[in-house]
Amino acid sequence: MKRLEVIDTNVAVAANGRETHVGSPCALRCIDALTGARSSAIVLHDGLGHIFDEYRRYLSPTGQPGTGDAFFKWLWDNQANPEHCRRVPITLRPGQERDFEEIPRDPDLLRLDPSDRAFLATALAAGAGSVVVNATDSHWRQVREAANRHGITVENLCPEHMSSGG
């Protein structure tokens, strides 16, 4: 059975080599993660389009010039292919732009940066066992235990590039 993955934008950006503070070992782990997702995971994206909008801000839909851009093009091309991708319905809380019904009112989860909440909501809506793949965002480190309590694994590819703060 394929693993269900939500991939934070910073993984693709780091794979492109655009993160100036990310060294080669981290970039290579991100490239491996994206390559692995394409071959052995089902990549999750939200039905509201928040994840695609986020990718579009930082990645090229032409698939060039980097590995992260190629991943975005692959995801776009395969978004309706159930062998590779799954669109997961999520629901905005009334009157909110970045808060979702799928995120429990767990104070530890609410520490997550609002820009990352669509990734978490998508993983939670997909169900227990889903994985959020992160490269460099320390907010995911801060919510990792809370996410685990709700059945979600946070995989931090480059912990050496995360500060202990937010």
C-alpha atoms as a PDB file:
ATOM      1  CA  MET A   1       0.000   0.000   0.000  1.00  0.00           C
ATOM      2  CA  LYS A   2       1.328   3.429  -0.922  1.00  0.00           C
ATOM      3  CA  ARG A   3       2.070   5.989   1.758  1.00  0.00           C
ATOM      4  CA  LEU A   4      -0.163   9.107   1.810  1.00  0.00           C
ATOM      5  CA  GLU A   5       2.004  12.239   1.746  1.00  0.00           C
ATOM      6  CA  VAL A   6       1.433  15.961   1.914  1.00  0.00           C
ATOM      7  CA  ILE A   7       4.608  17.717   0.819  1.00  0.00           C
ATOM      8  CA  ASP A   8       5.323  21.175   2.189  1.00  0.00           C
ATOM      9  CA  THR A   9       6.443  23.682  -0.420  1.00  0.00           C
ATOM     10  CA  ASN A  10       9.799  24.113   1.306  1.00  0.00           C
ATOM     11  CA  VAL A  11      10.779  20.565   0.270  1.00  0.00           C
ATOM     12  CA  ALA A  12      10.466  21.427  -3.420  1.00  0.00           C
ATOM     13  CA  VAL A  13      12.108  24.830  -2.942  1.00  0.00           C
ATOM     14  CA  ALA A  14      15.068  23.232  -1.144  1.00  0.00           C
ATOM     15  CA  ALA A  15      15.302  20.565  -3.875  1.00  0.00           C
ATOM     16  CA  ASN A  16      15.589  23.407  -6.393  1.00  0.00           C
ATOM     17  CA  GLY A  17      18.576  24.774  -4.485  1.00  0.00           C
ATOM     18  CA  ARG A  18      16.867  28.125  -3.902  1.00  0.00           C
ATOM     19  CA  GLU A  19      17.191  27.981  -0.138  1.00  0.00           C
ATOM     20  CA  THR A  20      20.531  29.688   0.372  1.00  0.00           C
ATOM     21  CA  HIS A  21      20.938  28.310   3.908  1.00  0.00           C
ATOM     22  CA  VAL A  22      20.329  24.708   2.806  1.00  0.00           C
ATOM     23  CA  GLY A  23      23.425  22.661   2.078  1.00  0.00           C
ATOM     24  CA  SER A  24      23.846  19.854  -0.390  1.00  0.00           C
ATOM     25  CA  PRO A  25      22.953  17.037   2.041  1.00  0.00           C
ATOM     26  CA  CYS A  26      19.558  18.617   2.755  1.00  0.00           C
ATOM     27  CA  ALA A  27      18.906  19.400  -0.920  1.00  0.00           C
ATOM     28  CA  LEU A  28      19.715  15.791  -1.816  1.00  0.00           C
ATOM     29  CA  ARG A  29      17.332  14.451   0.865  1.00  0.00           C
ATOM     30  CA  CYS A  30      14.618  16.700  -0.580  1.00  0.00           C
ATOM     31  CA  ILE A  31      15.314  15.479  -4.109  1.00  0.00           C
ATOM     32  CA  ASP A  32      15.140  11.879  -2.868  1.00  0.00           C
ATOM     33  CA  ALA A  33      11.856  12.601  -1.061  1.00  0.00           C
ATOM     34  CA  LEU A  34      10.261  14.099  -4.184  1.00  0.00           C
ATOM     35  CA  THR A  35      11.519  11.258  -6.363  1.00  0.00           C
ATOM     36  CA  GLY A  36      10.228   8.725  -3.845  1.00  0.00           C
ATOM     37  CA  ALA A  37       6.843  10.435  -3.636  1.00  0.00           C
ATOM     38  CA  ARG A  38       6.430  10.209  -7.391  1.00  0.00           C
ATOM     39  CA  SER A  39       7.160   6.490  -7.443  1.00  0.00           C
ATOM     40  CA  SER A  40       5.885   5.080  -4.169  1.00  0.00           C
ATOM     41  CA  ALA A  41       3.399   7.466  -2.538  1.00  0.00           C
ATOM     42  CA  ILE A  42       0.034   9.015  -3.138  1.00  0.00           C
ATOM     43  CA  VAL A  43       0.561  12.759  -2.947  1.00  0.00           C
ATOM     44  CA  LEU A  44      -2.288  14.590  -1.275  1.00  0.00           C
ATOM     45  CA  HIS A  45      -3.535  18.043  -2.215  1.00  0.00           C
ATOM     46  CA  ASP A  46      -6.556  19.944  -0.976  1.00  0.00           C
ATOM     47  CA  GLY A  47      -9.811  20.376  -2.825  1.00  0.00           C
ATOM     48  CA  LEU A  48      -9.804  24.137  -2.211  1.00  0.00           C
ATOM     49  CA  GLY A  49      -6.535  24.589  -4.121  1.00  0.00           C
ATOM     50  CA  HIS A  50      -4.516  26.130  -1.288  1.00  0.00           C
ATOM     51  CA  ILE A  51      -1.577  23.763  -1.783  1.00  0.00           C
ATOM     52  CA  PHE A  52      -1.447  24.336  -5.538  1.00  0.00           C
ATOM     53  CA  ASP A  53      -1.637  28.096  -4.955  1.00  0.00           C
ATOM     54  CA  GLU A  54       1.286  27.857  -2.548  1.00  0.00           C
ATOM     55  CA  TYR A  55       3.324  25.773  -4.993  1.00  0.00           C
ATOM     56  CA  ARG A  56       2.530  28.212  -7.797  1.00  0.00           C
ATOM     57  CA  ARG A  57       4.003  31.093  -5.749  1.00  0.00           C
ATOM     58  CA  TYR A  58       7.386  29.374  -5.401  1.00  0.00           C
ATOM     59  CA  LEU A  59       7.679  26.846  -8.214  1.00  0.00           C
ATOM     60  CA  SER A  60       7.508  26.859 -11.987  1.00  0.00           C
ATOM     61  CA  PRO A  61       4.641  24.895 -13.542  1.00  0.00           C
ATOM     62  CA  THR A  62       6.810  24.343 -16.641  1.00  0.00           C
ATOM     63  CA  GLY A  63       8.891  21.834 -14.678  1.00  0.00           C
ATOM     64  CA  GLN A  64      12.081  23.841 -15.134  1.00  0.00           C
ATOM     65  CA  PRO A  65      14.739  24.472 -13.995  1.00  0.00           C
ATOM     66  CA  GLY A  66      14.876  22.383 -10.826  1.00  0.00           C
ATOM     67  CA  THR A  67      13.736  19.106  -9.316  1.00  0.00           C
ATOM     68  CA  GLY A  68      11.112  20.909  -7.225  1.00  0.00           C
ATOM     69  CA  ASP A  69       9.711  22.517 -10.365  1.00  0.00           C
ATOM     70  CA  ALA A  70       9.638  19.119 -12.092  1.00  0.00           C
ATOM     71  CA  PHE A  71       7.739  17.719  -9.096  1.00  0.00           C
ATOM     72  CA  PHE A  72       5.166  20.533  -9.335  1.00  0.00           C
ATOM     73  CA  LYS A  73       4.636  19.858 -13.051  1.00  0.00           C
ATOM     74  CA  TRP A  74       4.300  16.120 -12.357  1.00  0.00           C
ATOM     75  CA  LEU A  75       1.776  16.805  -9.588  1.00  0.00           C
ATOM     76  CA  TRP A  76      -0.206  19.135 -11.834  1.00  0.00           C
ATOM     77  CA  ASP A  77      -0.221  16.574 -14.656  1.00  0.00           C
ATOM     78  CA  ASN A  78      -1.234  13.740 -12.299  1.00  0.00           C
ATOM     79  CA  GLN A  79      -3.570  15.550  -9.916  1.00  0.00           C
ATOM     80  CA  ALA A  80      -6.580  13.493 -11.051  1.00  0.00           C
ATOM     81  CA  ASN A  81      -4.678  10.196 -11.346  1.00  0.00           C
ATOM     82  CA  PRO A  82      -5.617   8.096  -8.284  1.00  0.00           C
ATOM     83  CA  GLU A  83      -2.489   5.982  -8.719  1.00  0.00           C
ATOM     84  CA  HIS A  84      -0.369   9.009  -7.798  1.00  0.00           C
ATOM     85  CA  CYS A  85      -2.505  11.752  -6.270  1.00  0.00           C
ATOM     86  CA  ARG A  86      -5.589  12.359  -4.197  1.00  0.00           C
ATOM     87  CA  ARG A  87      -7.612  15.550  -3.895  1.00  0.00           C
ATOM     88  CA  VAL A  88      -8.812  15.778  -0.304  1.00  0.00           C
ATOM     89  CA  PRO A  89     -11.804  17.949   0.580  1.00  0.00           C
ATOM     90  CA  ILE A  90     -11.130  20.429   3.381  1.00  0.00           C
ATOM     91  CA  THR A  91     -13.416  23.099   4.807  1.00  0.00           C
ATOM     92  CA  LEU A  92     -12.582  26.649   5.831  1.00  0.00           C
ATOM     93  CA  ARG A  93     -13.943  27.718   9.188  1.00  0.00           C
ATOM     94  CA  PRO A  94     -16.565  30.431   8.658  1.00  0.00           C
ATOM     95  CA  GLY A  95     -14.980  33.867   8.323  1.00  0.00           C
ATOM     96  CA  GLN A  96     -11.438  32.458   8.214  1.00  0.00           C
ATOM     97  CA  GLU A  97      -8.880  32.442   5.402  1.00  0.00           C
ATOM     98  CA  ARG A  98      -6.418  29.927   6.811  1.00  0.00           C
ATOM     99  CA  ASP A  99      -8.206  27.963   9.491  1.00  0.00           C
ATOM    100  CA  PHE A 100      -9.910  24.695   8.684  1.00  0.00           C
ATOM    101  CA  GLU A 101     -12.626  22.564  10.266  1.00  0.00           C
ATOM    102  CA  GLU A 102     -10.397  19.476   9.977  1.00  0.00           C
ATOM    103  CA  ILE A 103      -7.851  20.870  12.453  1.00  0.00           C
ATOM    104  CA  PRO A 104      -8.910  20.044  16.019  1.00  0.00           C
ATOM    105  CA  ARG A 105      -8.891  22.937  18.478  1.00  0.00           C
ATOM    106  CA  ASP A 106      -5.777  21.398  20.072  1.00  0.00           C
ATOM    107  CA  PRO A 107      -3.723  24.368  21.336  1.00  0.00           C
ATOM    108  CA  ASP A 108      -0.514  22.620  20.312  1.00  0.00           C
ATOM    109  CA  LEU A 109      -1.711  22.277  16.705  1.00  0.00           C
ATOM    110  CA  LEU A 110      -2.781  25.904  16.630  1.00  0.00           C
ATOM    111  CA  ARG A 111       0.893  26.861  17.031  1.00  0.00           C
ATOM    112  CA  LEU A 112       1.374  25.934  13.375  1.00  0.00           C
ATOM    113  CA  ASP A 113       1.956  28.882  11.091  1.00  0.00           C
ATOM    114  CA  PRO A 114      -1.301  29.814   9.309  1.00  0.00           C
ATOM    115  CA  SER A 115       0.406  29.430   5.914  1.00  0.00           C
ATOM    116  CA  ASP A 116       0.960  25.715   6.675  1.00  0.00           C
ATOM    117  CA  ARG A 117      -2.500  24.888   7.973  1.00  0.00           C
ATOM    118  CA  ALA A 118      -3.849  23.719   4.590  1.00  0.00           C
ATOM    119  CA  PHE A 119      -1.118  21.046   4.567  1.00  0.00           C
ATOM    120  CA  LEU A 120      -2.125  19.873   8.061  1.00  0.00           C
ATOM    121  CA  ALA A 121      -5.861  20.004   7.316  1.00  0.00           C
ATOM    122  CA  THR A 122      -5.299  17.934   4.177  1.00  0.00           C
ATOM    123  CA  ALA A 123      -3.314  15.293   6.061  1.00  0.00           C
ATOM    124  CA  LEU A 124      -5.916  15.145   8.837  1.00  0.00           C
ATOM    125  CA  ALA A 125      -8.803  14.890   6.371  1.00  0.00           C
ATOM    126  CA  ALA A 126      -7.031  12.079   4.506  1.00  0.00           C
ATOM    127  CA  GLY A 127      -6.915  10.106   7.726  1.00  0.00           C
ATOM    128  CA  ALA A 128      -4.604   8.555  10.256  1.00  0.00           C
ATOM    129  CA  GLY A 129      -1.317   7.404   8.821  1.00  0.00           C
ATOM    130  CA  SER A 130      -0.871  10.387   6.522  1.00  0.00           C
ATOM    131  CA  VAL A 131       2.577  11.963   6.478  1.00  0.00           C
ATOM    132  CA  VAL A 132       3.526  15.624   6.206  1.00  0.00           C
ATOM    133  CA  VAL A 133       6.965  15.927   4.608  1.00  0.00           C
ATOM    134  CA  ASN A 134       8.882  19.051   5.661  1.00  0.00           C
ATOM    135  CA  ALA A 135      12.400  20.243   4.962  1.00  0.00           C
ATOM    136  CA  THR A 136      13.229  23.389   6.903  1.00  0.00           C
ATOM    137  CA  ASP A 137      10.162  24.892   8.596  1.00  0.00           C
ATOM    138  CA  SER A 138      10.600  24.823  12.379  1.00  0.00           C
ATOM    139  CA  HIS A 139       6.849  25.202  12.961  1.00  0.00           C
ATOM    140  CA  TRP A 140       6.419  21.573  11.958  1.00  0.00           C
ATOM    141  CA  ARG A 141       8.907  20.559  14.645  1.00  0.00           C
ATOM    142  CA  GLN A 142       6.820  22.454  17.184  1.00  0.00           C
ATOM    143  CA  VAL A 143       3.586  20.625  16.275  1.00  0.00           C
ATOM    144  CA  ARG A 144       5.069  17.204  15.574  1.00  0.00           C
ATOM    145  CA  GLU A 145       3.956  15.574  18.839  1.00  0.00           C
ATOM    146  CA  ALA A 146       0.459  17.063  18.591  1.00  0.00           C
ATOM    147  CA  ALA A 147       0.150  15.870  15.000  1.00  0.00           C
ATOM    148  CA  ASN A 148       1.199  12.393  16.132  1.00  0.00           C
ATOM    149  CA  ARG A 149      -1.562  12.420  18.757  1.00  0.00           C
ATOM    150  CA  HIS A 150      -4.021  12.981  15.907  1.00  0.00           C
ATOM    151  CA  GLY A 151      -2.588  10.191  13.729  1.00  0.00           C
ATOM    152  CA  ILE A 152      -0.362  12.308  11.483  1.00  0.00           C
ATOM    153  CA  THR A 153       3.388  11.791  11.104  1.00  0.00           C
ATOM    154  CA  VAL A 154       5.609  14.789  10.451  1.00  0.00           C
ATOM    155  CA  GLU A 155       8.800  13.839   8.641  1.00  0.00           C
ATOM    156  CA  ASN A 156      11.477  16.517   9.000  1.00  0.00           C
ATOM    157  CA  LEU A 157      14.071  15.966   6.267  1.00  0.00           C
ATOM    158  CA  CYS A 158      16.560  18.636   7.348  1.00  0.00           C
ATOM    159  CA  PRO A 159      16.356  19.164  11.117  1.00  0.00           C
ATOM    160  CA  GLU A 160      19.845  20.669  11.062  1.00  0.00           C
ATOM    161  CA  HIS A 161      18.348  23.696   9.286  1.00  0.00           C
ATOM    162  CA  MET A 162      15.552  24.316  11.796  1.00  0.00           C
ATOM    163  CA  SER A 163      15.953  26.746  14.621  1.00  0.00           C
ATOM    164  CA  SER A 164      14.408  25.799  17.930  1.00  0.00           C
ATOM    165  CA  GLY A 165      12.166  28.859  17.733  1.00  0.00           C
ATOM    166  CA  GLY A 166       9.306  29.567  15.350  1.00  0.00           C
END
